[in-house]
C-alpha cells in the first residue's frame, strides 16, 4: 500500500508526463498545481497555476487555487 507522499509523487509524475506530450493542456497544469501544493512546493505550484491561466485565462480552479496560495 502506498503512502500519501508516494501517491502524490506518482500523480506528479503522471501529470508531468501528460504535459510533456501536450504542453497546451491548461487543466493539466491546474491539476499539477494542486498536487504541488499538497507536496508543499508552493513556488512550483504558483508557476503551474500561472501557466494554466496563460493557456486558459478563465480556468476557474486555477484562479481560485492561485488566489489561495
N, C-alpha and C. Protein backbone atom coordinates (compact mmCIF):
# COMPACT_ATOMS: atom_id res chain seq x y z
N UNK A 1 0.85 -1.18 0.00
CA UNK A 1 0.00 0.00 0.00
C UNK A 1 0.89 1.24 0.00
N UNK A 2 0.58 2.18 -0.87
CA UNK A 2 1.38 3.40 -0.99
C UNK A 2 1.00 4.41 0.08
N UNK A 3 2.00 5.16 0.50
CA UNK A 3 1.75 6.27 1.41
C UNK A 3 1.17 7.44 0.63
N UNK A 4 0.63 8.41 1.34
CA UNK A 4 0.11 9.60 0.66
C UNK A 4 1.21 10.29 -0.13
N UNK A 5 2.39 10.39 0.44
CA UNK A 5 3.51 11.02 -0.26
C UNK A 5 3.87 10.29 -1.54
N UNK A 6 3.83 8.97 -1.51
CA UNK A 6 4.12 8.18 -2.71
C UNK A 6 3.04 8.37 -3.76
N UNK A 7 1.79 8.41 -3.32
CA UNK A 7 0.68 8.63 -4.27
C UNK A 7 0.79 10.01 -4.91
N UNK A 8 1.15 11.01 -4.11
CA UNK A 8 1.30 12.35 -4.66
C UNK A 8 2.45 12.39 -5.67
N UNK A 9 3.54 11.70 -5.36
CA UNK A 9 4.66 11.68 -6.29
C UNK A 9 4.27 11.00 -7.60
N UNK A 10 3.51 9.90 -7.51
CA UNK A 10 3.03 9.24 -8.72
C UNK A 10 2.13 10.16 -9.54
N UNK A 11 1.25 10.89 -8.86
CA UNK A 11 0.37 11.83 -9.55
C UNK A 11 1.18 12.92 -10.23
N UNK A 12 2.16 13.45 -9.52
CA UNK A 12 3.01 14.49 -10.08
C UNK A 12 3.70 14.00 -11.35
N UNK A 13 4.27 12.82 -11.27
CA UNK A 13 4.97 12.27 -12.43
C UNK A 13 4.01 12.02 -13.59
N UNK A 14 2.81 11.57 -13.29
CA UNK A 14 1.82 11.32 -14.35
C UNK A 14 1.43 12.63 -15.04
N UNK A 15 1.16 13.67 -14.26
CA UNK A 15 0.82 14.97 -14.86
C UNK A 15 1.99 15.52 -15.67
N UNK A 16 3.20 15.36 -15.16
CA UNK A 16 4.36 15.86 -15.89
C UNK A 16 4.53 15.13 -17.22
N UNK A 17 4.25 13.81 -17.24
CA UNK A 17 4.32 13.05 -18.50
C UNK A 17 3.26 13.53 -19.48
N UNK A 18 2.05 13.73 -19.00
CA UNK A 18 0.97 14.21 -19.87
C UNK A 18 1.33 15.58 -20.44
N UNK A 19 1.84 16.45 -19.59
CA UNK A 19 2.18 17.80 -20.05
C UNK A 19 3.37 17.82 -21.00
N UNK A 20 4.27 16.87 -20.86
CA UNK A 20 5.39 16.76 -21.80
C UNK A 20 4.86 16.42 -23.19
N UNK A 21 3.79 15.64 -23.25
CA UNK A 21 3.20 15.25 -24.53
C UNK A 21 2.22 16.27 -25.05
N UNK A 22 1.59 17.02 -24.15
CA UNK A 22 0.59 18.01 -24.54
C UNK A 22 0.78 19.28 -23.71
N UNK A 23 1.77 20.09 -24.06
CA UNK A 23 2.11 21.26 -23.24
C UNK A 23 1.08 22.39 -23.27
N UNK A 24 0.01 22.22 -24.00
CA UNK A 24 -1.03 23.26 -24.03
C UNK A 24 -2.27 22.84 -23.24
N UNK A 25 -2.14 21.81 -22.41
CA UNK A 25 -3.27 21.33 -21.60
C UNK A 25 -3.36 22.14 -20.31
N UNK A 26 -4.13 23.20 -20.38
CA UNK A 26 -4.26 24.08 -19.22
C UNK A 26 -4.76 23.36 -17.97
N UNK A 27 -5.72 22.47 -18.15
CA UNK A 27 -6.25 21.72 -17.00
C UNK A 27 -5.18 20.85 -16.36
N UNK A 28 -4.27 20.35 -17.17
CA UNK A 28 -3.17 19.54 -16.64
C UNK A 28 -2.28 20.35 -15.71
N UNK A 29 -2.00 21.58 -16.09
CA UNK A 29 -1.19 22.45 -15.22
C UNK A 29 -1.94 22.79 -13.94
N UNK A 30 -3.23 23.02 -14.05
CA UNK A 30 -4.02 23.32 -12.85
C UNK A 30 -4.02 22.13 -11.89
N UNK A 31 -4.18 20.94 -12.43
CA UNK A 31 -4.17 19.74 -11.60
C UNK A 31 -2.79 19.48 -11.01
N UNK A 32 -1.76 19.68 -11.80
CA UNK A 32 -0.40 19.55 -11.29
C UNK A 32 -0.18 20.52 -10.14
N UNK A 33 -0.69 21.73 -10.28
CA UNK A 33 -0.55 22.72 -9.22
C UNK A 33 -1.14 22.25 -7.90
N UNK A 34 -2.28 21.57 -7.97
CA UNK A 34 -2.91 21.05 -6.75
C UNK A 34 -2.00 20.02 -6.08
N UNK A 35 -1.43 19.15 -6.88
CA UNK A 35 -0.51 18.14 -6.34
C UNK A 35 0.70 18.82 -5.71
N UNK A 36 1.24 19.82 -6.38
CA UNK A 36 2.41 20.53 -5.87
C UNK A 36 2.12 21.23 -4.55
N UNK A 37 0.93 21.79 -4.42
CA UNK A 37 0.54 22.40 -3.14
C UNK A 37 0.54 21.34 -2.05
N UNK A 38 -0.04 20.19 -2.34
CA UNK A 38 -0.10 19.12 -1.34
C UNK A 38 1.28 18.60 -0.98
N UNK A 39 2.23 18.72 -1.91
CA UNK A 39 3.61 18.32 -1.63
C UNK A 39 4.39 19.43 -0.92
N UNK A 40 3.79 20.60 -0.81
CA UNK A 40 4.45 21.71 -0.13
C UNK A 40 5.36 22.53 -1.03
N UNK A 41 5.31 22.31 -2.33
CA UNK A 41 6.16 23.05 -3.28
C UNK A 41 5.34 24.22 -3.84
N UNK A 42 5.21 25.26 -3.03
CA UNK A 42 4.33 26.38 -3.39
C UNK A 42 4.87 27.21 -4.55
N UNK A 43 6.18 27.30 -4.69
CA UNK A 43 6.75 28.06 -5.80
C UNK A 43 6.40 27.37 -7.13
N UNK A 44 6.59 26.07 -7.18
CA UNK A 44 6.25 25.33 -8.41
C UNK A 44 4.74 25.32 -8.63
N UNK A 45 3.96 25.25 -7.56
CA UNK A 45 2.50 25.27 -7.69
C UNK A 45 2.05 26.60 -8.29
N UNK A 46 2.62 27.70 -7.80
CA UNK A 46 2.26 29.01 -8.36
C UNK A 46 2.57 29.06 -9.85
N UNK A 47 3.73 28.55 -10.23
CA UNK A 47 4.11 28.55 -11.65
C UNK A 47 3.13 27.71 -12.47
N UNK A 48 2.71 26.58 -11.92
CA UNK A 48 1.76 25.71 -12.65
C UNK A 48 0.41 26.40 -12.81
N UNK A 49 -0.08 27.03 -11.74
CA UNK A 49 -1.36 27.74 -11.85
C UNK A 49 -1.25 28.90 -12.84
N UNK A 50 -0.15 29.62 -12.81
CA UNK A 50 0.02 30.74 -13.75
C UNK A 50 0.07 30.24 -15.19
N UNK A 51 0.74 29.10 -15.42
CA UNK A 51 0.79 28.54 -16.77
C UNK A 51 -0.61 28.11 -17.21
N UNK A 52 -1.36 27.52 -16.31
CA UNK A 52 -2.74 27.14 -16.64
C UNK A 52 -3.54 28.36 -17.08
N UNK A 53 -3.33 29.47 -16.38
CA UNK A 53 -4.08 30.69 -16.71
C UNK A 53 -3.57 31.35 -17.99
N UNK A 54 -2.30 31.17 -18.32
CA UNK A 54 -1.82 31.67 -19.61
C UNK A 54 -2.54 30.94 -20.75
N UNK A 55 -2.74 29.65 -20.55
CA UNK A 55 -3.38 28.83 -21.59
C UNK A 55 -4.90 28.99 -21.61
N UNK A 56 -5.47 29.22 -20.44
CA UNK A 56 -6.94 29.37 -20.32
C UNK A 56 -7.23 30.39 -19.23
N UNK A 57 -7.28 31.67 -19.59
CA UNK A 57 -7.46 32.74 -18.59
C UNK A 57 -8.73 32.63 -17.76
N UNK A 58 -9.67 31.81 -18.17
CA UNK A 58 -10.93 31.69 -17.43
C UNK A 58 -11.01 30.37 -16.65
N UNK A 59 -9.89 29.71 -16.45
CA UNK A 59 -9.88 28.42 -15.74
C UNK A 59 -10.15 28.68 -14.26
N UNK A 60 -11.37 28.38 -13.84
CA UNK A 60 -11.84 28.73 -12.50
C UNK A 60 -11.02 28.18 -11.36
N UNK A 61 -10.68 26.90 -11.41
CA UNK A 61 -9.93 26.32 -10.29
C UNK A 61 -8.51 26.87 -10.23
N UNK A 62 -7.92 27.16 -11.37
CA UNK A 62 -6.57 27.74 -11.37
C UNK A 62 -6.61 29.13 -10.75
N UNK A 63 -7.62 29.91 -11.07
CA UNK A 63 -7.78 31.24 -10.47
C UNK A 63 -7.94 31.12 -8.97
N UNK A 64 -8.84 30.25 -8.55
CA UNK A 64 -9.11 30.06 -7.12
C UNK A 64 -7.86 29.58 -6.37
N UNK A 65 -7.21 28.56 -6.94
CA UNK A 65 -6.04 27.99 -6.24
C UNK A 65 -4.87 28.95 -6.21
N UNK A 66 -4.67 29.72 -7.24
CA UNK A 66 -3.61 30.72 -7.22
C UNK A 66 -3.91 31.78 -6.16
N UNK A 67 -5.14 32.20 -6.09
CA UNK A 67 -5.51 33.22 -5.09
C UNK A 67 -5.39 32.67 -3.67
N UNK A 68 -5.47 31.36 -3.52
CA UNK A 68 -5.41 30.75 -2.19
C UNK A 68 -3.99 30.53 -1.68
N UNK A 69 -3.02 30.72 -2.54
CA UNK A 69 -1.61 30.48 -2.10
C UNK A 69 -1.18 31.51 -1.09
